[in-house]
Structure formats: structure tokens, C-alpha cells
N, C-alpha and C. Protein backbone atom coordinates (compact mmCIF):
# COMPACT_ATOMS: atom_id res chain seq x y z
N MET A 1 0.54 -1.21 0.07
CA MET A 1 0.13 0.07 0.31
C MET A 1 0.92 1.16 -0.44
N ASP A 2 2.53 0.72 0.27
CA ASP A 2 2.65 2.33 0.31
C ASP A 2 3.06 2.89 -1.29
N GLY A 3 3.20 4.04 -1.03
CA GLY A 3 2.95 4.99 -2.56
C GLY A 3 1.67 4.79 -2.71
N ALA A 4 0.69 4.74 -2.33
CA ALA A 4 -0.61 4.58 -3.63
C ALA A 4 -1.72 6.10 -3.27
N ILE A 5 -1.80 5.91 -3.82
CA ILE A 5 -2.60 7.62 -3.89
C ILE A 5 -3.81 7.39 -4.24
N VAL A 6 -5.65 8.35 -3.35
CA VAL A 6 -6.13 8.07 -3.60
C VAL A 6 -7.37 9.09 -4.38
N GLY A 7 -6.89 9.53 -4.95
CA GLY A 7 -7.80 10.78 -4.88
C GLY A 7 -7.96 12.03 -3.83
N ASP A 8 -9.37 12.43 -3.81
CA ASP A 8 -9.18 13.28 -3.38
C ASP A 8 -9.38 12.66 -1.41
N GLY A 9 -9.83 11.73 -1.15
CA GLY A 9 -9.75 11.39 -0.31
C GLY A 9 -10.99 10.16 0.29
N ASN A 10 -11.46 10.42 -0.83
CA ASN A 10 -13.02 9.63 -0.41
C ASN A 10 -12.86 7.95 -0.61
N TYR A 11 -11.86 7.57 -0.25
CA TYR A 11 -12.17 6.12 0.00
C TYR A 11 -12.81 4.95 0.22
N HIS A 12 -13.94 4.38 -0.64
CA HIS A 12 -14.93 3.52 0.13
C HIS A 12 -14.32 2.18 0.13
N VAL A 13 -14.14 1.66 1.07
CA VAL A 13 -13.82 0.08 1.43
C VAL A 13 -14.94 -1.05 1.91
N ILE A 14 -15.46 -1.80 0.50
CA ILE A 14 -16.27 -2.43 0.90
C ILE A 14 -15.82 -3.41 1.12
N LEU A 15 -16.03 -4.57 2.03
CA LEU A 15 -14.79 -6.18 2.51
C LEU A 15 -16.41 -7.32 2.27
N MET A 16 -16.59 -8.16 1.26
CA MET A 16 -17.51 -8.81 2.04
C MET A 16 -17.54 -9.82 2.47
N ILE A 17 -17.85 -10.22 3.03
CA ILE A 17 -17.34 -11.10 4.03
C ILE A 17 -18.58 -12.05 4.92
N ASP A 18 -18.32 -13.16 5.64
CA ASP A 18 -18.98 -13.79 5.93
C ASP A 18 -19.39 -13.53 8.03
N MET A 19 -20.28 -13.10 8.58
CA MET A 19 -20.37 -12.61 9.82
C MET A 19 -20.21 -13.01 10.18
N ALA A 20 -20.38 -14.69 9.90
CA ALA A 20 -20.42 -15.38 10.85
C ALA A 20 -18.91 -16.34 10.90
N ASN A 21 -18.00 -15.89 10.05
CA ASN A 21 -16.98 -16.52 10.14
C ASN A 21 -16.42 -14.87 11.45
N GLU A 22 -15.34 -15.61 12.11
CA GLU A 22 -14.68 -15.09 12.71
C GLU A 22 -13.54 -14.37 12.22
N ASN A 23 -13.29 -15.66 11.65
CA ASN A 23 -11.67 -15.42 11.25
C ASN A 23 -11.88 -13.78 10.18
N GLU A 24 -12.35 -14.11 9.46
CA GLU A 24 -12.59 -13.16 8.13
C GLU A 24 -13.66 -11.28 8.98
N ILE A 25 -13.97 -11.46 9.80
CA ILE A 25 -14.21 -10.80 10.53
C ILE A 25 -12.90 -9.62 11.39
N ARG A 26 -12.43 -10.85 11.61
CA ARG A 26 -10.96 -10.80 12.14
C ARG A 26 -9.91 -9.27 10.99
N GLN A 27 -9.56 -10.32 10.24
CA GLN A 27 -9.16 -9.89 9.01
C GLN A 27 -9.65 -8.86 7.51
N ALA A 28 -11.27 -8.32 8.32
CA ALA A 28 -11.79 -6.59 7.82
C ALA A 28 -11.63 -6.40 8.36
N ARG A 29 -11.27 -6.57 9.95
CA ARG A 29 -10.65 -5.66 10.91
C ARG A 29 -9.11 -5.49 11.39
N SER A 30 -8.75 -6.07 10.82
CA SER A 30 -7.46 -6.17 10.93
C SER A 30 -7.08 -5.41 9.56
N LEU A 31 -7.51 -5.48 8.58
CA LEU A 31 -7.39 -4.60 7.17
C LEU A 31 -7.47 -2.64 6.64
N ASN A 32 -8.89 -2.74 7.85
CA ASN A 32 -9.28 -1.27 8.46
C ASN A 32 -8.39 -0.70 8.95
N GLU A 33 -8.21 -1.74 9.97
CA GLU A 33 -7.18 -0.75 10.81
C GLU A 33 -5.93 -0.46 9.97
N HIS A 34 -4.85 -1.13 8.68
CA HIS A 34 -4.01 -0.68 8.33
C HIS A 34 -4.66 0.56 7.50
N ILE A 35 -5.48 0.51 6.64
CA ILE A 35 -6.37 1.35 6.04
C ILE A 35 -6.05 2.57 6.82
N VAL A 36 -6.48 2.43 7.79
CA VAL A 36 -7.14 3.61 8.54
C VAL A 36 -6.15 4.71 8.85
N SER A 37 -4.76 3.48 9.44
CA SER A 37 -3.43 3.73 9.75
C SER A 37 -2.95 4.40 9.27
N PHE A 38 -2.50 3.99 7.88
CA PHE A 38 -2.06 4.56 6.77
C PHE A 38 -2.21 6.02 6.00
N ALA A 39 -3.91 6.52 6.44
CA ALA A 39 -4.75 7.48 5.75
C ALA A 39 -3.95 8.80 7.04
N LEU A 40 -4.25 7.94 8.05
CA LEU A 40 -3.67 9.27 9.07
C LEU A 40 -1.98 9.63 9.11
N SER A 41 -1.24 8.54 8.54
CA SER A 41 -0.36 8.30 8.39
C SER A 41 0.53 9.56 7.64
N LYS A 42 0.05 9.96 6.73
CA LYS A 42 0.09 10.55 4.99
C LYS A 42 -0.83 11.75 5.30
N GLY A 43 -1.03 12.62 6.67
CA GLY A 43 -1.88 13.58 7.14
C GLY A 43 -3.17 13.62 6.52
N GLY A 44 -4.22 12.48 6.05
CA GLY A 44 -5.25 11.83 5.32
C GLY A 44 -6.09 12.01 7.14
N THR A 45 -7.86 11.62 7.31
CA THR A 45 -8.38 11.81 7.61
C THR A 45 -9.13 9.83 7.78
N CYS A 46 -9.91 9.88 8.93
CA CYS A 46 -10.37 8.42 8.84
C CYS A 46 -12.24 8.58 8.29
N THR A 47 -12.06 10.02 8.43
CA THR A 47 -13.39 10.07 8.58
C THR A 47 -13.69 10.58 6.50
N GLY A 48 -15.11 10.21 6.01
CA GLY A 48 -15.17 10.12 4.33
C GLY A 48 -16.22 12.53 4.79
N GLU A 49 -17.00 11.70 2.93
CA GLU A 49 -18.02 13.44 3.52
C GLU A 49 -18.75 13.35 4.13
N HIS A 50 -19.00 12.06 4.84
CA HIS A 50 -20.97 12.31 5.44
C HIS A 50 -20.34 12.02 6.86
N GLY A 51 -19.14 12.42 7.35
CA GLY A 51 -18.72 12.57 8.99
C GLY A 51 -18.38 11.14 9.32
N VAL A 52 -18.36 11.40 10.88
CA VAL A 52 -17.90 9.85 11.48
C VAL A 52 -18.41 8.80 11.74
N GLY A 53 -18.33 7.74 10.86
CA GLY A 53 -19.25 6.93 11.84
C GLY A 53 -19.08 6.03 13.23
N ILE A 54 -19.97 5.13 13.55
CA ILE A 54 -20.19 4.24 14.28
C ILE A 54 -18.21 3.96 14.77
N GLY A 55 -17.82 2.89 13.22
CA GLY A 55 -17.03 1.91 13.61
C GLY A 55 -15.42 3.59 13.39
N LYS A 56 -15.79 4.59 13.19
CA LYS A 56 -14.32 5.66 13.64
C LYS A 56 -14.03 5.91 14.03
N ALA A 57 -15.49 6.36 15.21
CA ALA A 57 -14.84 7.19 16.34
C ALA A 57 -14.02 6.75 17.05
N LYS A 58 -13.42 5.75 17.48
CA LYS A 58 -12.58 5.13 18.10
C LYS A 58 -11.33 5.64 17.98
N TYR A 59 -11.30 6.09 16.48
CA TYR A 59 -9.56 7.06 15.77
C TYR A 59 -9.77 8.14 15.87
N GLN A 60 -10.85 9.00 15.97
CA GLN A 60 -10.49 10.17 16.88
C GLN A 60 -9.95 11.05 17.93
N ARG A 61 -9.00 10.56 18.65
CA ARG A 61 -8.90 11.22 19.46
C ARG A 61 -7.40 10.90 18.83
N GLU A 62 -6.36 9.81 18.28
CA GLU A 62 -5.54 9.84 17.62
C GLU A 62 -5.20 10.66 16.48
N GLU A 63 -6.83 10.69 15.23
CA GLU A 63 -6.42 11.32 14.18
C GLU A 63 -6.41 13.17 15.12
N HIS A 64 -7.24 14.01 15.86
CA HIS A 64 -7.05 15.37 16.51
C HIS A 64 -6.40 15.69 17.56
N GLY A 65 -5.35 14.48 18.14
CA GLY A 65 -4.89 14.56 19.21
C GLY A 65 -5.73 15.32 20.14
N PRO A 66 -4.94 17.15 20.79
CA PRO A 66 -5.25 17.28 21.83
C PRO A 66 -6.36 18.03 21.99
N ALA A 67 -6.55 18.56 19.67
CA ALA A 67 -7.73 18.86 19.87
C ALA A 67 -9.30 17.98 20.39
N TYR A 68 -9.11 17.09 20.27
CA TYR A 68 -10.44 15.73 20.29
C TYR A 68 -10.60 16.81 21.85
N SER A 69 -10.41 16.79 23.22
CA SER A 69 -10.15 17.02 23.76
C SER A 69 -11.48 18.43 24.22
N THR A 70 -10.64 19.27 23.26
CA THR A 70 -11.75 20.08 23.11
C THR A 70 -12.59 20.95 22.45
N MET A 71 -12.56 19.70 21.77
CA MET A 71 -14.25 19.44 20.36
C MET A 71 -15.54 18.63 21.40
N LYS A 72 -14.97 17.65 22.38
CA LYS A 72 -15.29 16.84 23.23
C LYS A 72 -15.69 18.21 24.83
N LYS A 73 -15.53 18.94 25.03
CA LYS A 73 -15.54 20.14 26.00
C LYS A 73 -17.38 21.24 24.71
N ILE A 74 -16.79 21.34 23.90
CA ILE A 74 -17.71 23.00 23.22
C ILE A 74 -19.04 21.68 22.89
N LYS A 75 -19.18 19.84 22.73
CA LYS A 75 -20.06 19.05 22.36
C LYS A 75 -20.70 19.40 23.86
N ASP A 76 -19.77 18.43 24.82
CA ASP A 76 -20.49 19.15 26.38
C ASP A 76 -21.76 20.17 26.86
N LEU A 77 -20.61 21.38 26.29
CA LEU A 77 -21.55 22.74 27.02
C LEU A 77 -22.33 22.69 25.73
N PHE A 78 -22.72 22.52 24.31
CA PHE A 78 -24.06 22.89 23.49
C PHE A 78 -24.37 21.65 24.12
N ASP A 79 -24.46 20.48 24.57
CA ASP A 79 -25.53 19.36 24.25
C ASP A 79 -24.96 18.24 25.78
N PRO A 80 -25.39 19.17 26.73
CA PRO A 80 -25.45 18.66 28.37
C PRO A 80 -25.88 17.72 28.20
N ASN A 81 -27.11 17.49 27.77
CA ASN A 81 -27.64 15.22 28.12
C ASN A 81 -27.36 14.69 26.71
N HIS A 82 -26.45 14.70 26.43
CA HIS A 82 -26.32 13.73 25.47
C HIS A 82 -26.91 13.53 24.62
N ILE A 83 -27.86 14.65 23.90
CA ILE A 83 -29.37 13.77 23.21
C ILE A 83 -29.71 13.89 22.04
N LEU A 84 -28.17 14.59 21.52
CA LEU A 84 -27.59 15.16 20.49
C LEU A 84 -26.48 14.26 19.67
N ASN A 85 -26.99 13.09 18.70
CA ASN A 85 -26.07 11.38 18.14
C ASN A 85 -25.40 11.09 19.37
N PRO A 86 -26.27 10.31 20.47
CA PRO A 86 -24.95 9.47 21.52
C PRO A 86 -24.17 8.76 20.44
N GLY A 87 -24.19 8.81 21.49
CA GLY A 87 -23.23 8.26 21.39
C GLY A 87 -22.29 7.61 20.11
N LYS A 88 -22.17 9.44 19.00
CA LYS A 88 -21.33 9.15 18.34
C LYS A 88 -20.25 9.93 18.59
N ILE A 89 -19.30 10.08 17.35
CA ILE A 89 -17.89 10.63 17.71
C ILE A 89 -17.03 10.41 18.89
N PHE A 90 -17.61 10.67 19.89
CA PHE A 90 -17.19 11.05 21.26
C PHE A 90 -17.70 9.51 22.50
N ILE A 91 -17.05 8.61 22.95
CA ILE A 91 -17.06 7.78 22.89
C ILE A 91 -16.74 6.97 24.40
């Protein structure tokens, strides 16, 4: 994957796996981790044009560093009861 370039960053991977097969699930998660790590290492993002999906929430702290805490504080300020998109982005 080194040296690969993906257009404007809208890179969608669809993995066809058997959800009853633990080995395939493990392999798909590993591949996803590799793709996200590669994107972040190149200064990219793990999210797409639709925002942060549930599967990408766990990468937000790594991607945004110290800004993550600031963004969470702003979210808490405007949504103290966590009713807007609960469980999204900030996990």
C-alpha cells in the first residue's frame, strides 16, 4: 500500500465477508486498521464526507490529538444531556 494515492480522499472499501466467520471478521478489522493507520500517517483522515461513523469514532483521539478534548468540551457545553447523536464521535 505504500505509495498509493487515492484521489480526493473519498476512499470507500466494501469488504464482502461472512459475518458468521470469526476469522473473516478479524481479517476485515485488521485491514480496516491498516487503511486508517495509513491514511493518518499521510496526514489524511479516517472519516468521509458523511462525517464520523460509529466504526471510526475510536480513531478520533488519534487523528485530532489534543483538539479532541476541546471538541468534546464544546459538545458537552451545547449538549449537556448528550441527546444529540448519542454515542457518536465521542465514545
